[in-house]
């Protein structure tokens, strides 16, 4: 009898260990959702001299954003399965209409425009819509770019961008909370391919789940956000902002988190000194997603060349944090020298009415922000003292 009891306890312990180590928990946010209302926008805080307002409220589950021709803003989604075209032909930031140009897709969070065509991600494929901005009312059928992507759903949604080298960059998140994936070396990476899907290669390794990246306008280097692993406590490990200098660099996952935090299960034989540390260790569980270098000229000089990034917000922290847009300042050597909030107010106590996802510089130098909880898109602009 004693042997059977001990065996049962051992099995139960192994099951709990496996559950904690490998699970990816559904989106059950600590910060309770509250309805977005017009009066809440007045509670969003920006630095003195800036203003913020809503561009459109008609983009349910708004995620990644990309500019198309003729004032068209393309917006992806996740659970909604839609791609939207926000049409602002006269450039006054009051769109004439919002059109669903694709529907029924599988988590099309990522969108970008290349040579006039819209590229959209699905969970296991990338598709292209030829010259979509000029056929919004009769969208062309999607053309397959590639379906040679993993099909695992955890962290399976994909932010996509075309780089300055003309290649399409596609992250492939780890299909777990923290695990090794030797069967498919593409997991936990950022990869790239030609615009037609050919010549795939890995650009960065050891990346748990990146949902936003951009290229430094000074050096051309890739910078990206990364979501830290869960279930190690309220304040560890940090989420990350990373800087890729050499193709193939390894950023630590799943062995090392932040600068010097070895994974308790997988890090014993993999010292943190063997990996590239983050350029900036963010707060734990803030879920940094979209990021962009500020390339406009409408903001004051200190913001030019800075990085704006969206913290989607924590789901597994006793006291929620994140739910804001930050700005990160670099020096001439491309080192982080300051990191501060830029837009706050979506989180009120332990309730959040909005969750920022992506940021995008408008041609006039203002900053657009997407929000998948409210389904809204905002604009931040400089009005002056």
Protein backbone atom coordinates (compact mmCIF):
# COMPACT_ATOMS: atom_id res chain seq x y z
CA UNK A 1 0.00 0.00 0.00
CA UNK A 2 2.82 2.41 0.97
CA UNK A 3 4.56 1.71 -2.34
CA UNK A 4 1.42 2.53 -4.32
CA UNK A 5 0.92 5.78 -2.40
CA UNK A 6 4.54 6.85 -3.00
CA UNK A 7 4.26 5.96 -6.67
CA UNK A 8 1.07 8.01 -6.94
CA UNK A 9 2.72 11.00 -5.28
CA UNK A 10 5.69 10.73 -7.63
CA UNK A 11 3.46 10.66 -10.71
CA UNK A 12 1.46 13.62 -9.42
CA UNK A 13 4.67 15.58 -8.79
CA UNK A 14 5.92 14.86 -12.30
CA UNK A 15 2.62 15.98 -13.79
CA UNK A 16 2.70 19.24 -11.83
CA UNK A 17 6.32 19.83 -12.89
CA UNK A 18 5.48 19.27 -16.55
CA UNK A 19 2.44 21.53 -16.30
CA UNK A 20 4.40 24.39 -14.76
CA UNK A 21 7.38 24.06 -17.11
CA UNK A 22 5.67 23.63 -20.45
CA UNK A 23 2.27 25.22 -20.25
CA UNK A 24 1.29 28.45 -21.98
CA UNK A 25 -1.59 29.89 -20.03
CA UNK A 26 -4.60 31.29 -21.89
CA UNK A 27 -5.20 35.02 -21.87
CA UNK A 28 -6.86 35.32 -18.44
CA UNK A 29 -5.71 38.77 -17.44
CA UNK A 30 -5.16 39.86 -13.87
CA UNK A 31 -6.32 43.35 -14.81
CA UNK A 32 -10.09 43.03 -15.16
CA UNK A 33 -11.54 44.36 -18.41
CA UNK A 34 -13.81 47.38 -18.21
CA UNK A 35 -15.69 48.96 -21.13
CA UNK A 36 -13.93 51.60 -23.23
CA UNK A 37 -15.92 54.85 -23.14
CA UNK A 38 -15.31 58.34 -24.48
CA UNK A 39 -14.66 59.80 -21.05
CA UNK A 40 -11.81 57.36 -20.44
CA UNK A 41 -9.74 58.94 -23.23
CA UNK A 42 -9.51 62.11 -21.14
CA UNK A 43 -7.78 59.99 -18.49
CA UNK A 44 -4.90 59.03 -20.78
CA UNK A 45 -1.75 60.87 -19.74
CA UNK A 46 0.99 62.08 -22.11
CA UNK A 47 3.97 64.35 -21.40
CA UNK A 48 3.38 68.13 -21.35
CA UNK A 49 2.93 69.57 -24.82
CA UNK A 50 1.54 66.33 -26.28
CA UNK A 51 -2.08 65.48 -27.03
CA UNK A 52 -3.84 62.14 -27.60
CA UNK A 53 -7.16 61.32 -29.20
CA UNK A 54 -8.97 58.45 -30.91
CA UNK A 55 -8.58 58.00 -34.68
CA UNK A 56 -11.15 55.21 -35.02
CA UNK A 57 -13.21 52.97 -32.76
CA UNK A 58 -14.03 50.55 -35.60
CA UNK A 59 -11.08 48.14 -35.54
CA UNK A 60 -12.06 45.30 -33.19
CA UNK A 61 -9.05 43.47 -31.72
CA UNK A 62 -6.61 45.86 -33.48
CA UNK A 63 -3.02 44.52 -33.51
CA UNK A 64 -0.18 45.17 -36.00
CA UNK A 65 -0.28 48.23 -38.26
CA UNK A 66 1.30 49.17 -41.59
CA UNK A 67 0.98 52.10 -43.97
CA UNK A 68 -0.25 51.52 -47.49
CA UNK A 69 -0.52 54.02 -50.35
CA UNK A 70 -3.05 56.86 -50.52
CA UNK A 71 -3.55 57.27 -46.78
CA UNK A 72 -4.60 53.67 -46.15
CA UNK A 73 -3.65 52.16 -42.80
CA UNK A 74 -3.78 48.35 -42.69
CA UNK A 75 -4.48 46.79 -39.30
CA UNK A 76 -4.32 43.12 -38.32
CA UNK A 77 -6.16 41.36 -35.52
CA UNK A 78 -5.87 38.18 -33.49
CA UNK A 79 -9.10 36.58 -32.28
CA UNK A 80 -11.22 38.59 -34.74
CA UNK A 81 -9.44 37.02 -37.72
CA UNK A 82 -9.80 40.22 -39.77
CA UNK A 83 -7.54 42.63 -41.61
CA UNK A 84 -8.86 46.19 -41.73
CA UNK A 85 -8.18 49.08 -44.07
CA UNK A 86 -8.55 52.44 -42.32
CA UNK A 87 -9.05 54.96 -45.11
CA UNK A 88 -8.02 58.58 -44.48
CA UNK A 89 -7.63 59.98 -47.98
CA UNK A 90 -7.33 63.63 -46.93
CA UNK A 91 -4.87 62.94 -44.10
CA UNK A 92 -6.87 64.75 -41.40
CA UNK A 93 -6.77 61.75 -38.98
CA UNK A 94 -10.55 61.35 -39.24
CA UNK A 95 -10.97 58.28 -41.48
CA UNK A 96 -13.73 58.32 -44.04
CA UNK A 97 -14.33 54.60 -43.49
CA UNK A 98 -12.95 51.35 -42.11
CA UNK A 99 -13.19 48.33 -44.41
CA UNK A 100 -12.75 44.65 -43.58
CA UNK A 101 -10.53 43.59 -46.49
CA UNK A 102 -9.87 40.02 -45.30
CA UNK A 103 -11.69 37.81 -42.82
CA UNK A 104 -11.65 34.27 -41.50
CA UNK A 105 -7.85 34.26 -41.17
CA UNK A 106 -6.09 32.43 -38.34
CA UNK A 107 -4.64 35.07 -35.99
CA UNK A 108 -3.54 37.60 -38.66
CA UNK A 109 -1.76 39.85 -36.17
CA UNK A 110 1.03 40.87 -38.55
CA UNK A 111 0.68 43.06 -41.64
CA UNK A 112 3.13 44.93 -43.85
CA UNK A 113 3.20 46.46 -47.32
CA UNK A 114 5.90 45.69 -49.88
CA UNK A 115 5.96 46.88 -53.50
CA UNK A 116 2.31 47.91 -53.14
CA UNK A 117 1.11 44.49 -51.95
CA UNK A 118 -0.23 43.75 -48.48
CA UNK A 119 1.38 40.81 -46.67
CA UNK A 120 -0.54 39.27 -43.77
CA UNK A 121 0.43 36.55 -41.34
CA UNK A 122 -1.69 33.60 -40.32
CA UNK A 123 -0.70 31.08 -37.69
CA UNK A 124 1.02 28.70 -40.14
CA UNK A 125 1.39 30.77 -43.31
CA UNK A 126 2.02 34.16 -44.91
CA UNK A 127 -0.25 35.43 -47.69
CA UNK A 128 -0.06 38.38 -50.06
CA UNK A 129 -2.88 40.59 -51.42
CA UNK A 130 -1.74 42.25 -54.68
CA UNK A 131 -2.28 46.02 -54.87
CA UNK A 132 -4.93 45.79 -52.16
CA UNK A 133 -5.03 49.51 -51.33
CA UNK A 134 -6.52 50.17 -54.78
CA UNK A 135 -9.09 47.35 -54.58
CA UNK A 136 -10.59 47.76 -51.12
CA UNK A 137 -14.15 47.15 -52.25
CA UNK A 138 -13.24 44.11 -54.32
CA UNK A 139 -10.20 42.60 -52.59
CA UNK A 140 -8.05 40.23 -54.64
CA UNK A 141 -7.72 36.62 -53.59
CA UNK A 142 -4.75 36.01 -51.30
CA UNK A 143 -1.60 34.60 -52.87
CA UNK A 144 0.36 32.10 -50.81
CA UNK A 145 3.87 33.28 -49.90
CA UNK A 146 4.74 30.32 -47.67
CA UNK A 147 3.01 27.64 -45.65
CA UNK A 148 6.28 26.13 -44.43
CA UNK A 149 5.79 27.42 -40.88
CA UNK A 150 5.20 25.47 -37.66
CA UNK A 151 1.57 24.76 -36.80
CA UNK A 152 1.80 24.79 -32.98
CA UNK A 153 -0.65 27.34 -31.64
CA UNK A 154 1.04 28.52 -28.42
CA UNK A 155 2.90 31.72 -29.36
CA UNK A 156 1.92 30.89 -32.93
CA UNK A 157 0.74 34.37 -33.90
CA UNK A 158 3.34 36.29 -35.92
CA UNK A 159 4.20 39.96 -36.19
CA UNK A 160 5.86 40.51 -39.60
CA UNK A 161 7.92 43.31 -41.14
CA UNK A 162 10.00 43.89 -44.25
CA UNK A 163 13.53 44.92 -43.40
CA UNK A 164 15.70 47.49 -45.16
CA UNK A 165 17.28 44.55 -47.01
CA UNK A 166 13.95 43.78 -48.69
CA UNK A 167 13.53 40.51 -46.79
CA UNK A 168 10.41 39.55 -44.85
CA UNK A 169 11.15 39.01 -41.15
CA UNK A 170 9.00 36.47 -39.30
CA UNK A 171 9.38 35.49 -35.61
CA UNK A 172 8.52 31.93 -34.51
CA UNK A 173 7.76 31.85 -30.81
CA UNK A 174 8.54 28.96 -28.51
CA UNK A 175 5.52 26.60 -28.30
CA UNK A 176 5.75 26.52 -24.49
CA UNK A 177 6.45 28.56 -21.41
CA UNK A 178 10.06 27.34 -21.13
CA UNK A 179 11.38 24.29 -22.98
CA UNK A 180 14.03 23.06 -25.40
CA UNK A 181 12.82 22.36 -28.94
CA UNK A 182 15.59 20.42 -30.70
CA UNK A 183 13.18 18.84 -33.19
CA UNK A 184 12.63 22.19 -34.91
CA UNK A 185 15.43 24.77 -34.54
CA UNK A 186 13.17 27.52 -35.86
CA UNK A 187 11.27 27.73 -32.57
CA UNK A 188 12.41 30.62 -30.40
CA UNK A 189 13.87 32.60 -33.29
CA UNK A 190 13.39 35.54 -35.61
CA UNK A 191 13.82 34.41 -39.20
CA UNK A 192 13.68 36.05 -42.59
CA UNK A 193 12.93 35.08 -46.17
CA UNK A 194 12.70 36.61 -49.60
CA UNK A 195 9.44 38.31 -50.51
CA UNK A 196 8.36 35.18 -52.41
CA UNK A 197 9.02 32.92 -49.40
CA UNK A 198 12.31 31.50 -50.70
CA UNK A 199 15.69 31.37 -48.96
CA UNK A 200 14.53 31.16 -45.33
CA UNK A 201 17.20 31.75 -42.71
CA UNK A 202 17.50 32.44 -38.99
CA UNK A 203 18.50 35.94 -37.92
CA UNK A 204 18.29 35.72 -34.10
CA UNK A 205 18.11 32.76 -31.70
CA UNK A 206 17.06 32.31 -28.10
CA UNK A 207 13.98 34.53 -28.49
CA UNK A 208 10.98 33.31 -26.50
CA UNK A 209 8.24 35.33 -28.19
CA UNK A 210 8.87 38.53 -30.10
CA UNK A 211 5.83 40.48 -31.30
CA UNK A 212 7.56 43.66 -32.42
CA UNK A 213 10.78 44.82 -34.03
CA UNK A 214 12.32 47.65 -36.03
CA UNK A 215 15.63 48.73 -37.55
CA UNK A 216 17.84 51.46 -36.17
CA UNK A 217 17.81 54.29 -38.73
CA UNK A 218 21.43 55.13 -37.79
CA UNK A 219 23.11 51.71 -37.86
CA UNK A 220 20.55 49.51 -39.64
CA UNK A 221 20.65 47.01 -36.73
CA UNK A 222 17.55 45.05 -35.75
CA UNK A 223 16.00 45.76 -32.33
CA UNK A 224 13.14 43.66 -30.95
CA UNK A 225 10.95 43.10 -27.93
CA UNK A 226 10.73 39.72 -26.19
CA UNK A 227 8.20 38.43 -23.65
CA UNK A 228 9.81 36.86 -20.59
CA UNK A 229 8.82 33.43 -19.28
CA UNK A 230 6.05 33.00 -16.71
CA UNK A 231 5.64 31.28 -13.34
CA UNK A 232 8.83 32.44 -11.64
CA UNK A 233 7.14 35.05 -9.45
CA UNK A 234 5.74 38.56 -9.66
CA UNK A 235 8.99 40.35 -10.38
CA UNK A 236 11.15 37.90 -12.31
CA UNK A 237 12.24 37.45 -14.97
CA UNK A 238 12.18 40.76 -16.84
CA UNK A 239 10.73 41.17 -20.28
CA UNK A 240 13.32 42.45 -22.75
CA UNK A 241 14.28 44.94 -25.42
CA UNK A 242 17.08 43.39 -27.48
CA UNK A 243 19.62 44.59 -30.02
CA UNK A 244 20.88 42.23 -32.74
CA UNK A 245 24.38 43.05 -33.98
CA UNK A 246 25.46 39.76 -35.57
CA UNK A 247 23.20 37.38 -37.48
CA UNK A 248 22.63 34.23 -35.47
CA UNK A 249 23.28 35.77 -32.06
CA UNK A 250 21.62 33.87 -29.19
CA UNK A 251 19.66 35.85 -26.59
CA UNK A 252 19.42 33.17 -23.92
CA UNK A 253 16.00 31.52 -24.01
CA UNK A 254 15.28 29.00 -22.55
CA UNK A 255 18.50 28.86 -20.52
CA UNK A 256 18.98 32.43 -19.32
CA UNK A 257 16.52 35.26 -18.68
CA UNK A 258 17.31 38.95 -18.49
CA UNK A 259 20.97 39.70 -17.86
CA UNK A 260 21.94 37.01 -15.36
CA UNK A 261 18.94 34.88 -14.29
CA UNK A 262 19.51 31.19 -15.09
CA UNK A 263 16.39 29.16 -15.78
CA UNK A 264 15.75 26.97 -12.72
CA UNK A 265 15.03 23.90 -14.86
CA UNK A 266 17.21 24.33 -17.95
CA UNK A 267 19.97 26.76 -17.10
CA UNK A 268 22.38 24.74 -14.99
CA UNK A 269 24.72 23.81 -17.83
CA UNK A 270 24.24 27.05 -19.77
CA UNK A 271 25.81 30.09 -18.04
CA UNK A 272 24.32 33.46 -18.86
CA UNK A 273 27.71 34.79 -19.97
CA UNK A 274 27.35 32.64 -23.11
CA UNK A 275 24.41 34.70 -24.40
CA UNK A 276 23.66 38.25 -25.51
CA UNK A 277 22.10 40.24 -22.63
CA UNK A 278 19.15 42.52 -23.30
CA UNK A 279 19.82 46.12 -24.26
CA UNK A 280 17.16 46.95 -21.67
CA UNK A 281 15.62 44.73 -19.01
CA UNK A 282 11.99 45.82 -18.75
CA UNK A 283 9.70 45.12 -15.81
CA UNK A 284 8.48 41.56 -15.36
CA UNK A 285 5.34 40.41 -17.18
CA UNK A 286 4.60 43.73 -18.92
CA UNK A 287 4.40 41.92 -22.30
CA UNK A 288 6.20 44.36 -24.63
CA UNK A 289 4.81 44.03 -28.15
CA UNK A 290 5.13 46.60 -30.95
CA UNK A 291 8.10 48.98 -31.12
CA UNK A 292 9.30 51.64 -33.55
CA UNK A 293 12.16 54.07 -33.80
CA UNK A 294 10.82 57.60 -34.02
CA UNK A 295 11.82 58.76 -37.51
CA UNK A 296 9.59 61.82 -37.70
CA UNK A 297 10.45 65.45 -37.08
CA UNK A 298 7.26 66.75 -35.44
CA UNK A 299 8.20 65.73 -31.88
CA UNK A 300 10.79 67.70 -29.85
CA UNK A 301 14.42 66.92 -30.60
CA UNK A 302 14.97 64.60 -27.62
CA UNK A 303 12.45 62.11 -29.06
CA UNK A 304 14.04 61.89 -32.51
CA UNK A 305 15.68 58.50 -32.88
CA UNK A 306 14.15 57.25 -29.63
CA UNK A 307 12.25 53.95 -29.42
CA UNK A 308 8.54 53.85 -28.65
CA UNK A 309 7.24 50.50 -27.42
CA UNK A 310 3.85 49.22 -26.30
CA UNK A 311 3.49 47.26 -23.07
CA UNK A 312 0.42 45.08 -23.55
CA UNK A 313 0.20 44.37 -19.82
CA UNK A 314 0.57 41.53 -17.34
CA UNK A 315 -1.82 38.61 -16.93
CA UNK A 316 -0.06 36.62 -14.20
CA UNK A 317 1.06 39.16 -11.64
CA UNK A 318 -0.54 39.79 -8.23
CA UNK A 319 -0.68 43.51 -8.98
CA UNK A 320 -1.02 44.15 -12.73
CA UNK A 321 1.48 46.37 -14.51
CA UNK A 322 2.20 47.46 -18.05
CA UNK A 323 -0.77 48.64 -20.13
CA UNK A 324 1.15 51.68 -21.36
CA UNK A 325 3.42 53.05 -24.08
CA UNK A 326 7.03 53.76 -23.13
CA UNK A 327 9.85 55.71 -24.73
CA UNK A 328 13.47 54.51 -24.66
CA UNK A 329 16.32 56.94 -25.30
CA UNK A 330 19.69 55.92 -26.78
CA UNK A 331 23.03 57.69 -26.82
CA UNK A 332 25.33 58.06 -29.83
CA UNK A 333 26.84 54.64 -29.08
CA UNK A 334 23.34 53.06 -29.27
CA UNK A 335 23.28 52.36 -25.53
CA UNK A 336 20.07 52.81 -23.55
CA UNK A 337 20.33 55.88 -21.31
CA UNK A 338 16.72 56.37 -20.18
CA UNK A 339 13.37 54.58 -20.18
CA UNK A 340 10.15 56.30 -19.16
CA UNK A 341 6.37 56.14 -19.59
CA UNK A 342 4.95 58.04 -22.55
CA UNK A 343 1.23 57.18 -22.54
CA UNK A 344 -0.45 55.86 -19.39
CA UNK A 345 -4.02 55.62 -18.11
CA UNK A 346 -5.37 52.44 -19.68
CA UNK A 347 -4.79 50.71 -16.33
CA UNK A 348 -6.89 52.05 -13.45
CA UNK A 349 -6.02 50.24 -10.23
CA UNK A 350 -6.53 46.59 -11.12
CA UNK A 351 -8.84 47.28 -14.06
CA UNK A 352 -7.76 47.99 -17.63
CA UNK A 353 -10.04 49.37 -20.31
CA UNK A 354 -7.36 49.22 -23.02
CA UNK A 355 -4.24 47.28 -23.97
CA UNK A 356 -1.78 48.94 -26.39
CA UNK A 357 -0.31 46.59 -29.01
CA UNK A 358 1.54 48.37 -31.81
CA UNK A 359 2.98 51.82 -32.47
CA UNK A 360 3.53 53.41 -35.87
CA UNK A 361 4.90 56.78 -36.97
CA UNK A 362 2.51 58.68 -39.24
CA UNK A 363 4.00 60.48 -42.26
CA UNK A 364 3.24 63.79 -40.51
CA UNK A 365 5.34 62.76 -37.49
CA UNK A 366 2.55 61.92 -35.08
CA UNK A 367 2.38 58.48 -33.44
CA UNK A 368 -0.42 55.94 -33.92
CA UNK A 369 -1.17 53.31 -31.26
CA UNK A 370 -3.40 50.25 -31.68
CA UNK A 371 -5.43 48.78 -28.80
CA UNK A 372 -6.85 45.26 -29.08
CA UNK A 373 -8.95 45.40 -25.92
CA UNK A 374 -10.85 48.54 -26.89
CA UNK A 375 -10.59 47.94 -30.65
CA UNK A 376 -9.48 51.54 -31.02
CA UNK A 377 -6.58 53.32 -32.69
CA UNK A 378 -5.15 56.49 -31.13
CA UNK A 379 -2.98 59.34 -32.34
CA UNK A 380 -0.41 61.19 -30.21
CA UNK A 381 0.85 64.50 -31.55
CA UNK A 382 2.96 67.44 -30.39
CA UNK A 383 0.97 70.60 -29.83
CA UNK A 384 3.68 72.57 -28.07
CA UNK A 385 3.95 74.30 -24.70
